Amino acid sequence: MLKQFYSSILSMTAFLFSLIALCTLSFNWSNFKKIYDIDEINIYGTNFFDQSIIEEKSDVLKSYNIFDTELGNYKNEMLKFDHIIDCKISRKFPSTIDITIYEREPIALISSDELIILDSEGVCLPVEYCDLSLPILSNFKSNPELYPKGSTTASTNVLSSINLMKFTKDNHSMIYDNISEFVFNEDSEYEIILKNGRTRIFLGSQNLKLKIKYLESFQEALKEEKKITDYRYIDLRFNNQVIVKEA
């Protein structure tokens, strides 16, 4: 009985040793044949920023094996870019890598000692990787210390304005797409200058999201007769009134 038990143990050990040896030989053979060398890289998720910088960084991966632990270091390199929130790397055997980029969403531009992109959370980003046409925040404080790169702006006024821009983009995209400048004027009130360069929209300082809704309702009420760009100004500062002057 004991002899049979030892015989079973030896057989199992021999089987496991053979299996490990076979796997090792298979891996070494495939490595010799370069079956698992990365030869295809797919990049997803670059909706706002230049994809070429990701492609340049990704080219080095073609010198790696798909099992290489260096892929984790690649993710860390991607996260050094201020506009990238996260990066997911997926393996597709035998030789393909999928890279999914999660970007920050650019909302507006502001000029400090240089031009800066502000994302939907007020994070300050460099402009060199993005060529989108974005609204410009004008007449806000421009002190460089208020806009640390890769961090949230220290200006509460700018943060409030970004929140309004994000709301407008998500809920009233036609208006957002037509904004050239968002101005904080000398009376501490907010104005919008449209992309035609002449139409100004006076929002005042209170209930700004409601004013944006009023503006869209006014635009819809015009139907095909006129457009808001046909006016020199649209004044929404007074309750239950829309005051306009034609261009």
Protein backbone atom coordinates (compact mmCIF):
# COMPACT_ATOMS: atom_id res chain seq x y z
CA MET A 1 0.00 0.00 0.00
CA LEU A 2 2.80 2.34 1.00
CA LYS A 3 4.73 1.38 -2.09
CA GLN A 4 1.72 2.25 -4.27
CA PHE A 5 1.40 5.63 -2.52
CA TYR A 6 5.06 6.50 -3.17
CA SER A 7 4.67 5.35 -6.74
CA SER A 8 1.73 7.75 -7.21
CA ILE A 9 3.75 10.62 -5.71
CA LEU A 10 6.66 9.92 -8.03
CA SER A 11 4.37 9.72 -11.04
CA MET A 12 2.73 13.03 -10.12
CA THR A 13 6.12 14.69 -9.56
CA ALA A 14 7.39 13.40 -12.88
CA PHE A 15 4.25 14.68 -14.61
CA LEU A 16 4.58 18.15 -13.08
CA PHE A 17 8.28 18.28 -13.92
CA SER A 18 7.52 17.28 -17.51
CA LEU A 19 4.74 19.90 -17.74
CA ILE A 20 7.00 22.66 -16.41
CA ALA A 21 9.79 21.58 -18.75
CA LEU A 22 7.39 21.57 -21.70
CA CYS A 23 6.09 25.04 -20.85
CA THR A 24 9.63 26.35 -20.44
CA LEU A 25 10.71 24.86 -23.74
CA SER A 26 7.59 26.22 -25.46
CA PHE A 27 8.20 29.69 -24.10
CA ASN A 28 11.87 29.62 -25.06
CA TRP A 29 10.97 28.40 -28.54
CA SER A 30 8.36 31.11 -29.01
CA ASN A 31 10.82 33.65 -27.68
CA PHE A 32 13.40 32.40 -30.15
CA LYS A 33 10.86 32.71 -32.95
CA LYS A 34 9.80 36.17 -31.60
CA ILE A 35 6.15 35.11 -31.61
CA TYR A 36 5.44 37.30 -28.56
CA ASP A 37 7.38 40.37 -29.69
CA ILE A 38 5.01 43.34 -29.86
CA ASP A 39 4.36 44.27 -33.49
CA GLU A 40 1.01 46.07 -33.29
CA ILE A 41 -0.06 48.90 -30.98
CA ASN A 42 -3.60 50.31 -30.94
CA ILE A 43 -4.30 53.63 -29.21
CA TYR A 44 -7.78 54.62 -28.03
CA GLY A 45 -9.28 57.54 -26.13
CA THR A 46 -7.38 60.53 -27.56
CA ASN A 47 -10.35 62.80 -28.19
CA PHE A 48 -8.97 66.24 -27.30
CA PHE A 49 -5.17 66.16 -27.40
CA ASP A 50 -2.54 65.30 -30.00
CA GLN A 51 -2.18 61.53 -30.38
CA SER A 52 1.27 61.77 -31.97
CA ILE A 53 2.97 62.23 -28.58
CA ILE A 54 1.40 58.95 -27.44
CA GLU A 55 2.52 57.25 -30.66
CA GLU A 56 6.10 58.48 -30.18
CA LYS A 57 6.19 57.14 -26.64
CA SER A 58 4.60 53.87 -27.79
CA ASP A 59 7.15 53.08 -30.51
CA VAL A 60 9.62 51.91 -27.88
CA LEU A 61 7.20 49.12 -26.92
CA LYS A 62 7.94 47.35 -30.20
CA SER A 63 11.28 46.34 -28.72
CA TYR A 64 9.47 44.54 -25.89
CA ASN A 65 8.02 41.08 -25.44
CA ILE A 66 4.30 41.02 -24.61
CA PHE A 67 5.14 39.44 -21.24
CA ASP A 68 7.68 42.15 -20.41
CA THR A 69 7.20 43.81 -17.01
CA GLU A 70 8.49 47.08 -18.51
CA LEU A 71 4.95 47.72 -19.78
CA GLY A 72 4.14 48.96 -16.28
CA ASN A 73 6.86 51.60 -16.60
CA TYR A 74 5.28 52.76 -19.86
CA LYS A 75 2.07 53.57 -18.00
CA ASN A 76 4.02 55.65 -15.50
CA GLU A 77 5.60 57.56 -18.39
CA MET A 78 2.16 58.35 -19.81
CA LEU A 79 0.92 59.65 -16.46
CA LYS A 80 3.68 62.27 -16.49
CA PHE A 81 1.64 64.19 -19.07
CA ASP A 82 -0.62 66.64 -17.22
CA HIS A 83 -3.53 66.08 -19.60
CA ILE A 84 -3.68 62.29 -19.01
CA ILE A 85 -5.69 61.10 -16.01
CA ASP A 86 -5.08 57.38 -16.50
CA CYS A 87 -3.72 54.86 -18.97
CA LYS A 88 -4.84 51.25 -19.39
CA ILE A 89 -2.65 48.70 -21.18
CA SER A 90 -4.20 45.46 -22.45
CA ARG A 91 -2.43 42.51 -24.04
CA LYS A 92 -3.86 40.69 -27.05
CA PHE A 93 -1.91 37.52 -27.68
CA PRO A 94 0.33 36.83 -29.32
CA SER A 95 1.76 40.27 -30.23
CA THR A 96 -0.74 43.16 -29.90
CA ILE A 97 -0.99 45.87 -27.25
CA ASP A 98 -4.09 48.05 -26.77
CA ILE A 99 -3.51 51.40 -25.02
CA THR A 100 -6.54 53.29 -23.72
CA ILE A 101 -5.92 56.89 -22.71
CA TYR A 102 -8.21 58.76 -20.30
CA GLU A 103 -7.80 62.48 -20.98
CA ARG A 104 -8.77 65.60 -19.13
CA GLU A 105 -11.53 67.56 -20.87
CA PRO A 106 -10.37 71.03 -22.01
CA ILE A 107 -12.99 73.71 -21.40
CA ALA A 108 -11.39 77.14 -21.77
CA LEU A 109 -8.19 79.12 -22.24
CA ILE A 110 -6.74 81.81 -20.01
CA SER A 111 -3.67 84.00 -20.43
CA SER A 112 -1.26 84.29 -17.51
CA ASP A 113 2.45 84.68 -18.22
CA GLU A 114 1.58 82.24 -21.00
CA LEU A 115 -1.55 80.74 -22.53
CA ILE A 116 -3.03 77.97 -20.37
CA ILE A 117 -5.79 75.41 -20.94
CA LEU A 118 -8.22 74.82 -18.09
CA ASP A 119 -9.98 71.47 -17.93
CA SER A 120 -13.47 70.72 -16.58
CA GLU A 121 -12.09 70.60 -13.02
CA GLY A 122 -10.02 73.76 -13.34
CA VAL A 123 -6.71 71.90 -13.75
CA CYS A 124 -4.09 73.96 -15.61
CA LEU A 125 -2.69 72.28 -18.72
CA PRO A 126 -0.13 73.22 -21.39
CA VAL A 127 -1.50 74.26 -24.78
CA GLU A 128 1.09 72.54 -27.00
CA TYR A 129 -0.77 69.24 -27.23
CA CYS A 130 -4.22 70.68 -28.05
CA ASP A 131 -5.38 72.69 -31.06
CA LEU A 132 -9.10 72.89 -30.23
CA SER A 133 -10.91 76.21 -30.53
CA LEU A 134 -11.82 77.02 -26.92
CA PRO A 135 -13.51 80.00 -25.24
CA ILE A 136 -11.08 82.48 -23.70
CA LEU A 137 -11.53 83.73 -20.13
CA SER A 138 -10.83 87.48 -20.28
CA ASN A 139 -10.12 90.12 -17.63
CA PHE A 140 -9.53 87.60 -14.84
CA LYS A 141 -6.50 87.83 -12.54
CA SER A 142 -3.44 86.63 -14.44
CA ASN A 143 -0.93 86.10 -11.60
CA PRO A 144 1.17 83.04 -12.58
CA GLU A 145 0.94 81.57 -9.07
CA LEU A 146 -2.82 81.19 -9.58
CA TYR A 147 -2.25 78.72 -12.43
CA PRO A 148 0.21 75.97 -11.40
CA LYS A 149 0.67 73.48 -14.24
CA GLY A 150 -0.87 70.11 -13.56
CA SER A 151 -2.82 71.44 -10.56
CA THR A 152 -6.17 73.12 -9.96
CA THR A 153 -6.23 76.89 -10.38
CA ALA A 154 -6.15 78.82 -7.11
CA SER A 155 -8.65 81.38 -8.45
CA THR A 156 -12.16 80.73 -7.10
CA ASN A 157 -13.58 83.13 -9.69
CA VAL A 158 -11.99 81.15 -12.52
CA LEU A 159 -13.21 77.87 -10.98
CA SER A 160 -16.78 79.22 -10.90
CA SER A 161 -16.46 80.33 -14.52
CA ILE A 162 -15.13 76.91 -15.58
CA ASN A 163 -18.07 75.30 -13.80
CA LEU A 164 -20.44 77.50 -15.83
CA MET A 165 -18.60 76.73 -19.08
CA LYS A 166 -18.79 73.01 -18.35
CA PHE A 167 -22.53 73.31 -17.61
CA THR A 168 -23.03 75.21 -20.86
CA LYS A 169 -21.07 72.69 -22.89
CA ASP A 170 -22.97 69.71 -21.43
CA ASN A 171 -26.46 71.20 -21.57
CA HIS A 172 -26.41 73.99 -24.17
CA SER A 173 -23.69 72.96 -26.60
CA MET A 174 -24.84 75.28 -29.41
CA ILE A 175 -24.23 78.27 -27.17
CA TYR A 176 -20.90 76.94 -25.87
CA ASP A 177 -19.67 76.28 -29.43
CA ASN A 178 -20.42 79.90 -30.32
CA ILE A 179 -18.54 81.50 -27.40
CA SER A 180 -15.37 83.40 -28.24
CA GLU A 181 -14.76 85.05 -24.85
CA PHE A 182 -16.14 84.83 -21.35
CA VAL A 183 -15.45 88.20 -19.73
CA PHE A 184 -15.31 89.32 -16.09
CA ASN A 185 -15.92 93.04 -16.53
CA GLU A 186 -15.09 96.11 -14.44
CA ASP A 187 -18.45 95.91 -12.65
CA SER A 188 -17.66 92.35 -11.47
CA GLU A 189 -20.29 91.00 -13.84
CA TYR A 190 -19.99 88.38 -16.55
CA GLU A 191 -20.35 88.81 -20.29
CA ILE A 192 -20.14 86.52 -23.29
CA ILE A 193 -18.70 87.64 -26.61
CA LEU A 194 -19.76 85.43 -29.49
CA LYS A 195 -17.48 84.24 -32.28
CA ASN A 196 -18.87 86.80 -34.73
CA GLY A 197 -16.89 89.36 -32.69
CA ARG A 198 -19.72 91.85 -32.20
CA THR A 199 -22.53 90.22 -30.21
CA ARG A 200 -22.22 90.65 -26.44
CA ILE A 201 -24.42 88.87 -23.93
CA PHE A 202 -24.69 90.48 -20.49
CA LEU A 203 -25.28 87.87 -17.77
CA GLY A 204 -24.84 89.93 -14.62
CA SER A 205 -23.43 88.26 -11.52
CA GLN A 206 -26.24 86.06 -10.21
CA ASN A 207 -28.09 82.93 -11.38
CA LEU A 208 -25.72 82.48 -14.30
CA LYS A 209 -26.81 78.94 -15.20
CA LEU A 210 -30.41 80.13 -15.30
CA LYS A 211 -29.37 82.99 -17.60
CA ILE A 212 -27.77 80.48 -19.96
CA LYS A 213 -31.06 78.57 -20.05
CA TYR A 214 -32.90 81.83 -20.79
CA LEU A 215 -30.47 82.54 -23.62
CA GLU A 216 -31.15 79.18 -25.24
CA SER A 217 -34.92 79.67 -24.79
CA PHE A 218 -34.60 83.07 -26.48
CA GLN A 219 -32.62 81.51 -29.32
CA GLU A 220 -35.30 78.82 -29.78
CA ALA A 221 -38.06 81.44 -29.73
CA LEU A 222 -36.41 83.24 -32.64
CA LYS A 223 -36.76 80.06 -34.72
CA GLU A 224 -35.63 80.77 -38.29
CA GLU A 225 -36.48 84.48 -38.29
CA LYS A 226 -33.27 85.58 -36.59
CA LYS A 227 -30.22 84.28 -34.79
CA ILE A 228 -28.67 85.58 -31.61
CA THR A 229 -25.70 86.66 -33.73
CA ASP A 230 -28.03 89.17 -35.45
CA TYR A 231 -28.00 91.30 -32.28
CA ARG A 232 -25.39 93.73 -31.06
CA TYR A 233 -26.17 92.79 -27.48
CA ILE A 234 -28.54 90.65 -25.45
CA ASP A 235 -29.03 91.81 -21.88
CA LEU A 236 -30.17 89.17 -19.38
CA ARG A 237 -29.34 91.05 -16.19
CA PHE A 238 -32.91 91.91 -15.29
CA ASN A 239 -35.53 89.51 -13.96
CA ASN A 240 -38.08 88.24 -16.49
CA GLN A 241 -36.69 90.48 -19.24
CA VAL A 242 -34.56 90.05 -22.33
CA ILE A 243 -33.33 93.38 -23.66
CA VAL A 244 -31.78 93.36 -27.10
CA LYS A 245 -30.24 95.75 -29.59
CA GLU A 246 -29.99 94.79 -33.21
CA ALA A 247 -26.63 94.99 -34.94
